Structure formats: structure tokens, C-alpha cells
Amino acid sequence: MRLQRPAWILTLSLVLHPGNAWAGGDPPDFVLQWGSLGTGDGEFSGPHGIEVDSDGNVYVADTGNNRVQKFTSDGFFLAKWGSPGAGPGQFNHPHGIGIGPLGNIYVAETGNNRVQKFTPDGIFITRWGSLGNGDGQFQHTHGLTVDDNGSVFVVDRDLNRVQKFTCDGTFITSWGSPGVGDGEFTSPNGIAVDGDLNVFVADSSPRIQKFTNNGVFILSWGSAGAGQGQFNFPRGLSTDDIGNLFVADRNNHRMQMFTGTGVFLTSWGSFGAGEGQFNLPYAVRAGARGVVYVNDSSNHRLQKFAFTALCPWDCDSAESADGNVGIVDFLALLTQWGGPGSCDFDGAGVGITDFLELLAHWGPCPQPSTSTTSSIYSQHRVAVRSRSRYGYSGRVPRTSGATAGRGPSLARQCHRRGARCRSGSLL
């Protein structure tokens, strides 16, 4: 029997109330570490870049060993490729590493002043770049990132600029010049892009600068020091699914976390070799479900952290511009009730089990149990789904018009980078 929708809406307005998701302040917990100095599988020599694919596999630019290593999310060795040299698939000081929407791996080499592109298993595809100051040439390639449209951004450190390319290496644009003004750089290092396609660059001045996708300056923050929001040689950058920015504050031996507008949220780390300590960390990568990986370069290891004060859902009973799960999402669910081709819990289309699942996670945020199959890592906006259940991983695609910038709903929550979107389910 089909439900009468107005009755459900009335009941919902009477019994549901907002809760509060993780609001910053607490650093993530240490989970595990792997690696030591050496040349064997799972060993490193001053690793720099780090990336995580949609399946949770971790790729590391093992800089001193001139290779890339691939691991599971728990540090089990899977594969490696590379050797010293300048031929296809060889490396000279690989530094930045990024993953495109289809899973291909991009590696920026400082010594060869070029970018190489590989399949996820290390099969060489193409390369571009040479020493020089022209378009598509480099002097000390450093950080690298890839946006959700497949554009590749490379930090050209000694020329104090960022260059943007297509996924196959065709030059698009560049920006930057020496200096400390807006849009100018002093030996830039790390680079990251968020889900809205904004570009963040770590500058040795020291500060973080934020740009549009084509290099128009938006804002900057930071100064020299060891206080909150201050830096001592910031290196690697990474954004999470809601646009927060993580900074590897290298010479302060710590990580700092900010909103996308530069508001300080939390920090962790100190000098040392213990759990949660760092020795010149070069790179950071925010993965799914509140996980953060750090390349602890001079300790020749990776450390994995996780935020544990998480809500099973982004708790809110009246959706607004922040995109929290609320009334609007529930109404959208009703429009798909029993609809064909939907992502659903019970295998019978969007139905009563989907609705009960929504109710079970609406309102105040309880502490999650180890059996929780979906969790929110956020103070607002994006629900991060367990891939095994919902087929979701990676950034949520942005839309245009009235829904732009809001949280995922229906088909958008079923999005998975590099895969066809499964449409229909709210949760």
C-alpha cells in the first residue's frame, strides 16, 4: 500500500529536531603507520607526494628511491614501478603525485622537469615537459594536483608560477610571478583543488593563497611563526570532501586544518618519531570517512589518522544553504518512492527501509559504533558514504543553478569518481 505523503511530512515536522555535527577543535586520532628507511617493498627514502584513489588505495612518490609504491589503505604493499633515469616510466626525484577522474596517475619529477602519466597499475601512458621557461616547460616541478574535470595543475617552483594542462598535457594557462603580492609567489610548493574547483597554493613567504580554477586571486592567509594559522615552510596541501584544507607545516613538524576560507580548525603533531609525531612532513592527503594520511618524510614512513567524533549523518532537520540532510532531502526522497533504477537499501526501490534509515540518523548525533556503515565527516554539508554499501567515494560533483554549492541529494550522493552514477536514493 502506498503511503500518503502529506501525513508523513506532518509527522516529520512534529518529531524531528536538529543536531550538531563535528564542529572542529579536536585533532584526529592516530590509527597506524608503515614504512622505514630502505629500498625494499614498503620501505622509503624521503617520500614526498601522496594520493588516494576511489578504492582507498594509497600511492606514494618514494622520492629517494625514484619510484612510486602502491598500498592498501592499511599499508599492505600492492605494487611499485620506476627506476632512476629519464626514459618513459623512469624517474629523477619524483615529487608531486595526483589522480585523475578515471584513476590515472600523474607524477611530477623535479630532476627531469616533466610530468608522466600512468595507469593505476603503473603502465606508462604519456609525458610532457622539459627544462625551460616557456609554456609547458619547467624549472623545478614540485606539487601536482588534478581537478574533477581532469585538468592537471603543476607548481613550477623556481619560476614562481602554476601551470594548468589538459589531462594529456596540452597547455591551458599559467599564473604567478616572483613577489609577495596577491597572486605572486615565493618558491611555491604544494597545491590542492577543492570540489568547487578552487585552487590552493602553499607559498614559502609563508602563506596559503586561494585562486579560481584559472588563476584569479581570491584570498590568502598565514604568516611566519608557530601559532595557529602561522607557518614555517608549508609544503603539501589537501582538501577534503567539504572543502576544508589540510596543510603539512613542514618545519613546525605538524598538520594544520582550515576551512576553505582560512579559518583555523585544528592542528596536531610535534617533532619526533613517535605516534602522531613528525620529522619534516612533506605531504598530506585527506581520504574518505575522515581519514588523513601524512608522508612523514624524514622518518621515512606514512602515518594514518582518523577523526572519530563523527555523526552517522549530517544532522539537520531543515536544509538550508549549507546542504545538511533535512526536510528538503526527505521531500526529494518521496518523489522517488518506489521508483525504478534507484540505489536502495532493501533491493525494492526507494521505500520504507530507506525512510527508516533516514529517521534512525536524524537529530542529535550519537557517537558511531564500529559497525556504522556510513558516516559524516563534516561540520556541514557532505555525507561520506561507505563504498561497500553505497558505491560512493571521492568528491561530490557540483551542479549549477539553484542547487549549486549545496550538499548531495538523490543521484548526486550515488556519485563515484570514474564510475556511472547510480540514481535515485537519498541516503
Protein backbone atom coordinates (compact mmCIF):
# COMPACT_ATOMS: atom_id res chain seq x y z
CA MET A 1 0.00 0.00 0.00
CA ARG A 2 1.43 3.40 -0.97
CA LEU A 3 1.93 5.90 1.84
CA GLN A 4 0.04 9.17 1.94
CA ARG A 5 2.80 11.70 1.57
CA PRO A 6 1.22 14.68 3.39
CA ALA A 7 0.80 12.58 6.56
CA TRP A 8 4.49 11.67 6.55
CA ILE A 9 5.51 15.27 6.10
CA LEU A 10 3.32 16.41 9.00
CA THR A 11 4.70 13.71 11.30
CA LEU A 12 8.26 14.61 10.39
CA SER A 13 7.75 18.27 11.19
CA LEU A 14 6.50 17.35 14.66
CA VAL A 15 9.11 14.89 15.82
CA LEU A 16 12.43 15.82 14.26
CA HIS A 17 14.90 18.33 15.61
CA PRO A 18 18.38 19.45 14.59
CA GLY A 19 21.62 18.12 15.96
CA ASN A 20 25.21 19.20 15.69
CA ALA A 21 27.85 17.54 13.57
CA TRP A 22 31.59 17.63 14.26
CA ALA A 23 32.45 21.29 14.73
CA GLY A 24 36.22 21.31 14.69
CA GLY A 25 38.73 21.68 17.50
CA ASP A 26 39.64 18.07 18.17
CA PRO A 27 42.51 16.63 16.10
CA PRO A 28 42.23 13.19 14.51
CA ASP A 29 43.36 10.04 16.30
CA PHE A 30 46.41 8.07 15.27
CA VAL A 31 45.42 4.82 13.53
CA LEU A 32 48.56 3.15 12.20
CA GLN A 33 51.89 3.69 10.45
CA TRP A 34 54.05 1.85 7.96
CA GLY A 35 57.45 2.22 6.37
CA SER A 36 61.10 2.59 7.30
CA LEU A 37 64.29 3.66 5.58
CA GLY A 38 65.27 1.24 2.83
CA THR A 39 64.78 0.05 -0.74
CA GLY A 40 62.54 -2.95 -0.18
CA ASP A 41 58.80 -3.20 -0.70
CA GLY A 42 57.09 -0.88 1.77
CA GLU A 43 60.33 0.90 2.63
CA PHE A 44 61.03 4.53 1.69
CA SER A 45 63.74 7.09 1.19
CA GLY A 46 62.40 10.57 1.90
CA PRO A 47 58.89 10.10 0.42
CA HIS A 48 57.16 13.27 -0.82
CA GLY A 49 53.85 13.11 -2.69
CA ILE A 50 50.86 11.00 -1.62
CA GLU A 51 47.47 10.27 -3.20
CA VAL A 52 44.44 8.08 -2.50
CA ASP A 53 42.20 6.59 -5.20
CA SER A 54 38.45 5.94 -5.13
CA ASP A 55 39.06 2.42 -3.80
CA GLY A 56 41.12 3.71 -0.90
CA ASN A 57 44.48 2.59 -2.30
CA VAL A 58 47.42 4.81 -1.36
CA TYR A 59 50.09 5.92 -3.86
CA VAL A 60 53.41 7.28 -2.61
CA ALA A 61 56.12 9.14 -4.51
CA ASP A 62 59.15 7.38 -3.00
CA THR A 63 61.44 10.23 -3.94
CA GLY A 64 64.88 8.99 -2.92
CA ASN A 65 64.23 5.56 -4.45
CA ASN A 66 62.93 7.06 -7.74
CA ARG A 67 59.74 5.02 -7.79
CA VAL A 68 56.04 5.00 -6.95
CA GLN A 69 54.64 2.49 -4.47
CA LYS A 70 51.00 1.45 -4.14
CA PHE A 71 49.41 0.18 -0.90
CA THR A 72 46.05 -0.71 0.53
CA SER A 73 44.52 1.76 2.97
CA ASP A 74 46.07 -0.27 5.81
CA GLY A 75 49.57 -0.20 4.39
CA PHE A 76 49.79 -3.60 2.68
CA PHE A 77 52.12 -3.42 -0.30
CA LEU A 78 50.44 -3.90 -3.69
CA ALA A 79 52.76 -2.74 -6.47
CA LYS A 80 55.63 -0.47 -7.46
CA TRP A 81 57.14 0.97 -10.61
CA GLY A 82 60.03 3.18 -11.64
CA SER A 83 63.82 3.28 -11.62
CA PRO A 84 66.44 6.04 -11.92
CA GLY A 85 66.64 7.62 -15.35
CA ALA A 86 64.98 9.83 -17.94
CA GLY A 87 63.18 7.24 -20.06
CA PRO A 88 59.44 6.51 -20.04
CA GLY A 89 58.49 5.17 -16.62
CA GLN A 90 61.81 6.18 -15.09
CA PHE A 91 62.17 8.95 -12.51
CA ASN A 92 64.57 11.59 -11.30
CA HIS A 93 63.32 12.81 -7.92
CA PRO A 94 59.55 12.24 -8.26
CA HIS A 95 57.71 14.73 -6.10
CA GLY A 96 54.07 15.65 -6.71
CA ILE A 97 51.50 12.96 -7.46
CA GLY A 98 47.85 13.18 -8.45
CA ILE A 99 44.96 11.00 -9.63
CA GLY A 100 42.61 11.89 -12.47
CA PRO A 101 38.85 11.21 -12.61
CA LEU A 102 39.46 7.93 -14.46
CA GLY A 103 42.06 6.75 -11.96
CA ASN A 104 45.19 7.52 -13.99
CA ILE A 105 48.28 8.55 -12.02
CA TYR A 106 50.25 11.73 -12.71
CA VAL A 107 53.77 12.22 -11.33
CA ALA A 108 55.81 15.44 -11.38
CA GLU A 109 59.58 14.91 -11.47
CA THR A 110 61.84 17.60 -10.12
CA GLY A 111 65.03 16.28 -11.74
CA ASN A 112 63.60 15.66 -15.21
CA ASN A 113 61.32 18.75 -15.19
CA ARG A 114 58.38 16.85 -16.58
CA VAL A 115 55.09 15.13 -15.80
CA GLN A 116 54.42 11.47 -16.52
CA LYS A 117 51.01 9.80 -16.77
CA PHE A 118 50.37 6.14 -15.89
CA THR A 119 47.52 3.70 -15.48
CA PRO A 120 46.64 2.79 -11.86
CA ASP A 121 48.95 -0.23 -12.23
CA GLY A 122 51.93 1.80 -13.42
CA ILE A 123 51.75 1.31 -17.19
CA PHE A 124 53.21 4.34 -18.93
CA ILE A 125 50.75 6.42 -20.99
CA THR A 126 52.39 9.73 -21.89
CA ARG A 127 54.69 12.50 -20.65
CA TRP A 128 55.29 16.21 -21.18
CA GLY A 129 57.69 18.94 -20.12
CA SER A 130 61.34 19.92 -20.36
CA LEU A 131 63.74 22.41 -18.79
CA GLY A 132 62.88 26.00 -19.71
CA ASN A 133 60.61 28.94 -19.03
CA GLY A 134 58.12 28.60 -21.87
CA ASP A 135 54.59 27.26 -21.74
CA GLY A 136 54.75 23.58 -20.77
CA GLN A 137 58.37 23.89 -19.66
CA PHE A 138 59.52 23.80 -16.04
CA GLN A 139 62.25 24.74 -13.64
CA HIS A 140 61.86 22.50 -10.60
CA THR A 141 58.44 20.90 -10.82
CA HIS A 142 57.02 20.46 -7.35
CA GLY A 143 53.42 19.93 -6.29
CA LEU A 144 50.79 18.47 -8.63
CA THR A 145 47.04 18.03 -8.40
CA VAL A 146 44.16 17.06 -10.70
CA ASP A 147 40.66 18.51 -10.52
CA ASP A 148 37.37 16.69 -11.08
CA ASN A 149 37.33 17.79 -14.74
CA GLY A 150 40.70 16.16 -15.35
CA SER A 151 42.76 19.36 -15.55
CA VAL A 152 46.30 18.97 -14.22
CA PHE A 153 47.92 21.74 -12.15
CA VAL A 154 51.71 21.80 -11.67
CA VAL A 155 53.72 24.04 -9.37
CA ASP A 156 56.69 25.40 -11.35
CA ARG A 157 58.65 26.34 -8.27
CA ASP A 158 61.76 28.19 -9.47
CA LEU A 159 59.69 30.21 -11.97
CA ASN A 160 57.20 31.12 -9.22
CA ARG A 161 54.14 30.08 -11.17
CA VAL A 162 51.41 27.47 -11.57
CA GLN A 163 50.74 25.86 -14.93
CA LYS A 164 47.44 24.24 -15.94
CA PHE A 165 47.14 21.47 -18.55
CA THR A 166 44.58 19.13 -20.03
CA CYS A 167 44.71 15.50 -18.92
CA ASP A 168 47.04 14.72 -21.86
CA GLY A 169 49.44 17.60 -21.29
CA THR A 170 48.13 20.33 -23.57
CA PHE A 171 48.95 23.71 -22.05
CA ILE A 172 45.92 25.77 -20.95
CA THR A 173 47.15 28.69 -18.86
CA SER A 174 49.60 29.78 -16.17
CA TRP A 175 49.74 32.40 -13.46
CA GLY A 176 52.19 33.84 -10.97
CA SER A 177 55.41 35.83 -10.79
CA PRO A 178 58.05 36.48 -8.11
CA GLY A 179 56.86 38.54 -5.18
CA VAL A 180 54.70 38.69 -2.07
CA GLY A 181 51.65 40.43 -3.51
CA ASP A 182 48.32 38.85 -4.33
CA GLY A 183 48.84 36.16 -6.97
CA GLU A 184 52.63 36.37 -6.67
CA PHE A 185 54.79 33.56 -5.28
CA THR A 186 57.99 32.97 -3.36
CA SER A 187 59.10 29.39 -4.10
CA PRO A 188 55.61 27.80 -4.12
CA ASN A 189 55.39 24.18 -3.02
CA GLY A 190 52.14 22.28 -2.50
CA ILE A 191 48.90 22.60 -4.44
CA ALA A 192 45.37 21.29 -4.00
CA VAL A 193 41.95 21.76 -5.59
CA ASP A 194 38.55 21.53 -3.89
CA GLY A 195 35.20 20.26 -5.12
CA ASP A 196 34.25 23.74 -6.32
CA LEU A 197 37.43 23.71 -8.47
CA ASN A 198 39.18 26.39 -6.42
CA VAL A 199 42.97 26.06 -6.35
CA PHE A 200 45.09 26.42 -3.18
CA VAL A 201 48.85 27.01 -3.33
CA ALA A 202 51.36 26.86 -0.44
CA ASP A 203 53.85 29.69 -0.71
CA SER A 204 57.18 29.86 1.14
CA SER A 205 56.53 33.51 2.07
CA PRO A 206 54.89 31.73 4.12
CA ARG A 207 51.17 31.73 3.35
CA ILE A 208 48.34 29.94 1.57
CA GLN A 209 46.76 31.54 -1.50
CA LYS A 210 43.39 30.60 -2.98
CA PHE A 211 42.51 31.08 -6.66
CA THR A 212 39.76 30.31 -9.12
CA ASN A 213 40.35 27.41 -11.48
CA ASN A 214 42.00 29.74 -13.99
CA GLY A 215 44.20 31.60 -11.53
CA VAL A 216 42.17 34.61 -10.45
CA PHE A 217 43.21 35.52 -6.89
CA ILE A 218 40.53 35.07 -4.20
CA LEU A 219 42.22 35.36 -0.80
CA SER A 220 45.30 34.46 1.26
CA TRP A 221 46.21 33.79 4.87
CA GLY A 222 49.23 32.95 7.01
CA SER A 223 52.42 34.47 8.34
CA ALA A 224 55.72 33.26 9.73
CA GLY A 225 55.58 31.60 13.14
CA ALA A 226 54.38 28.62 15.13
CA GLY A 227 50.96 29.86 16.26
CA GLN A 228 47.58 28.92 14.89
CA GLY A 229 47.40 29.84 11.23
CA GLN A 230 51.12 30.58 11.08
CA PHE A 231 53.61 28.51 9.08
CA ASN A 232 57.24 27.55 8.83
CA PHE A 233 57.73 26.35 5.26
CA PRO A 234 54.28 24.92 4.37
CA ARG A 235 54.55 22.07 1.88
CA GLY A 236 51.82 19.59 0.97
CA LEU A 237 48.13 20.54 0.75
CA SER A 238 44.94 18.52 0.54
CA THR A 239 41.22 19.31 0.58
CA ASP A 240 38.52 17.06 1.96
CA ASP A 241 35.02 16.42 0.60
CA ILE A 242 33.57 19.56 2.15
CA GLY A 243 36.35 21.92 1.15
CA ASN A 244 38.43 22.03 4.34
CA LEU A 245 42.14 22.43 3.71
CA PHE A 246 44.95 20.42 5.36
CA VAL A 247 48.47 21.88 5.39
CA ALA A 248 51.71 20.00 6.04
CA ASP A 249 53.50 22.69 8.07
CA ARG A 250 56.88 21.10 7.46
CA ASN A 251 59.38 22.91 9.68
CA ASN A 252 56.85 23.17 12.52
CA HIS A 253 56.51 19.37 12.32
CA ARG A 254 52.72 19.46 12.38
CA MET A 255 49.50 19.40 10.39
CA GLN A 256 47.05 22.31 10.36
CA MET A 257 43.42 22.19 9.24
CA PHE A 258 41.40 25.18 8.00
CA THR A 259 38.11 25.92 6.35
CA GLY A 260 38.29 26.83 2.68
CA THR A 261 38.31 30.50 3.70
CA GLY A 262 41.27 30.17 6.03
CA VAL A 263 39.53 29.83 9.40
CA PHE A 264 41.67 27.69 11.69
CA LEU A 265 40.03 24.44 12.84
CA THR A 266 42.65 22.24 14.48
CA SER A 267 46.28 21.10 14.41
CA TRP A 268 48.32 18.14 15.58
CA GLY A 269 51.88 16.91 15.70
CA SER A 270 55.27 17.77 17.20
CA PHE A 271 58.87 16.92 16.42
CA GLY A 272 59.77 13.28 16.99
CA ALA A 273 59.42 9.70 15.79
CA GLY A 274 56.55 8.54 17.99
CA GLU A 275 52.94 8.00 17.01
CA GLY A 276 51.48 11.29 15.85
CA GLN A 277 54.86 13.00 15.79
CA PHE A 278 56.63 14.16 12.63
CA ASN A 279 60.06 14.89 11.23
CA LEU A 280 59.71 17.32 8.31
CA PRO A 281 56.38 16.06 6.92
CA TYR A 282 56.13 16.79 3.20
CA ALA A 283 52.63 15.76 2.15
CA VAL A 284 49.13 15.19 3.47
CA ARG A 285 46.09 13.58 1.88
CA ALA A 286 42.52 13.63 3.18
CA GLY A 287 40.74 10.40 2.23
CA ALA A 288 37.15 9.25 2.69
CA ARG A 289 35.34 8.79 6.02
CA GLY A 290 37.51 11.25 7.95
CA VAL A 291 40.83 9.52 7.24
CA VAL A 292 44.00 11.59 6.80
CA TYR A 293 47.37 10.26 5.55
CA VAL A 294 50.68 12.05 6.18
CA ASN A 295 54.02 11.48 4.46
CA ASP A 296 56.41 11.77 7.43
CA SER A 297 59.34 12.24 5.11
CA SER A 298 62.43 12.29 7.32
CA ASN A 299 61.03 9.43 9.41
CA HIS A 300 60.62 7.54 6.10
CA ARG A 301 57.08 6.44 6.91
CA LEU A 302 53.40 7.11 6.39
CA GLN A 303 51.01 7.77 9.24
CA LYS A 304 47.26 7.31 9.08
CA PHE A 305 44.83 9.30 11.24
CA ALA A 306 41.05 9.40 11.56
CA PHE A 307 38.53 11.78 13.04
CA THR A 308 36.34 9.79 15.44
CA ALA A 309 33.85 12.39 16.69
CA LEU A 310 31.67 11.84 13.65
CA CYS A 311 27.95 11.79 13.07
CA PRO A 312 26.41 8.87 11.17
CA TRP A 313 24.66 11.55 9.10
CA ASP A 314 24.92 15.28 8.77
CA CYS A 315 22.21 16.04 11.32
CA ASP A 316 19.79 18.81 10.49
CA SER A 317 16.01 18.96 10.29
CA ALA A 318 15.67 21.93 7.96
CA GLU A 319 18.01 22.02 4.98
CA SER A 320 19.42 25.42 4.16
CA ALA A 321 22.27 26.67 2.02
CA ASP A 322 24.75 24.51 3.93
CA GLY A 323 23.19 21.40 2.40
CA ASN A 324 22.59 19.43 5.58
CA VAL A 325 20.35 16.37 5.39
CA GLY A 326 16.89 17.65 6.27
CA ILE A 327 13.34 18.32 5.14
CA VAL A 328 14.20 19.15 1.55
CA ASP A 329 16.10 15.89 1.15
CA PHE A 330 13.19 13.98 2.65
CA LEU A 331 10.76 15.53 0.17
CA ALA A 332 13.15 14.58 -2.60
CA LEU A 333 13.13 11.01 -1.31
CA LEU A 334 9.33 10.95 -1.52
CA THR A 335 9.44 11.95 -5.16
CA GLN A 336 11.44 8.78 -5.82
CA TRP A 337 9.30 6.48 -3.66
CA GLY A 338 9.25 3.06 -5.26
CA GLY A 339 10.95 4.43 -8.33
CA PRO A 340 12.78 2.05 -10.69
CA GLY A 341 16.54 2.03 -11.05
CA SER A 342 17.24 3.57 -7.68
CA CYS A 343 20.04 2.95 -5.23
CA ASP A 344 18.26 1.46 -2.24
CA PHE A 345 18.82 -0.50 0.94
CA ASP A 346 16.26 -3.23 0.56
CA GLY A 347 16.55 -4.02 -3.15
CA ALA A 348 12.99 -2.94 -3.89
CA GLY A 349 13.39 0.70 -4.87
CA VAL A 350 13.26 3.64 -2.52
CA GLY A 351 10.88 2.50 0.20
CA ILE A 352 10.17 2.06 3.85
CA THR A 353 13.62 0.76 4.85
CA ASP A 354 15.22 3.82 3.27
CA PHE A 355 12.88 6.06 5.23
CA LEU A 356 13.51 4.22 8.50
CA GLU A 357 17.26 4.50 7.90
CA LEU A 358 16.86 8.24 7.49
CA LEU A 359 14.87 8.52 10.72
CA ALA A 360 17.42 6.44 12.61
CA HIS A 361 20.10 9.04 11.91
CA TRP A 362 18.08 12.24 12.14
CA GLY A 363 18.56 14.64 15.02
CA PRO A 364 21.26 14.64 17.71
CA CYS A 365 24.48 12.99 16.66
CA PRO A 366 25.39 9.84 18.61
CA GLN A 367 28.91 8.50 18.75
CA PRO A 368 29.33 5.98 15.92
CA SER A 369 29.89 2.30 16.58
CA THR A 370 32.40 0.17 14.73
CA SER A 371 29.54 -1.28 12.70
CA THR A 372 28.43 2.08 11.35
CA THR A 373 28.35 1.72 7.57
CA SER A 374 28.15 5.39 6.68
CA SER A 375 29.43 8.43 8.47
CA ILE A 376 29.63 12.13 8.13
CA TYR A 377 32.98 13.82 8.28
CA SER A 378 31.98 17.39 8.49
CA GLN A 379 30.64 20.28 10.42
CA HIS A 380 28.33 20.80 7.47
CA ARG A 381 27.46 19.66 4.01
CA VAL A 382 28.70 16.34 2.66
CA ALA A 383 27.80 12.86 3.84
CA VAL A 384 30.64 10.42 3.17
CA ARG A 385 29.26 7.03 2.29
CA SER A 386 30.81 3.62 2.85
CA ARG A 387 31.76 2.41 -0.61
CA SER A 388 30.90 -1.22 0.13
CA ARG A 389 27.28 -0.30 0.76
CA TYR A 390 26.55 2.80 -1.27
CA GLY A 391 29.09 2.74 -4.08
CA TYR A 392 30.23 6.24 -3.19
CA SER A 393 33.74 7.58 -2.96
CA GLY A 394 35.57 10.73 -3.84
CA ARG A 395 34.29 14.25 -4.25
CA VAL A 396 30.64 15.01 -4.89
CA PRO A 397 30.16 16.73 -8.25
CA ARG A 398 28.91 20.30 -8.21
CA THR A 399 25.80 21.42 -10.02
CA SER A 400 24.73 24.76 -11.40
CA GLY A 401 21.75 26.95 -10.72
CA ALA A 402 19.67 26.93 -7.56
CA THR A 403 21.28 23.80 -6.14
CA ALA A 404 24.89 24.85 -6.68
CA GLY A 405 27.05 24.56 -3.57
CA ARG A 406 24.50 22.56 -1.59
CA GLY A 407 25.06 19.14 -0.18
CA PRO A 408 24.48 15.95 -2.16
CA SER A 409 20.99 14.60 -2.61
CA LEU A 410 19.48 11.71 -4.56
CA ALA A 411 21.55 10.85 -7.62
CA ARG A 412 24.50 13.06 -6.60
CA GLN A 413 25.05 11.06 -3.42
CA CYS A 414 25.42 7.92 -5.52
CA HIS A 415 28.26 9.51 -7.47
CA ARG A 416 31.55 7.70 -7.60
CA ARG A 417 34.58 9.13 -9.27
CA GLY A 418 35.27 7.35 -12.54
CA ALA A 419 32.03 5.37 -12.48
CA ARG A 420 28.50 5.79 -13.81
CA CYS A 421 26.16 7.47 -11.36
CA ARG A 422 23.54 5.19 -9.85
CA SER A 423 20.49 7.40 -9.47
CA GLY A 424 17.62 7.65 -7.07
CA SER A 425 18.44 7.19 -3.37
CA LEU A 426 18.61 9.94 -0.78
CA LEU A 427 20.94 8.02 1.52
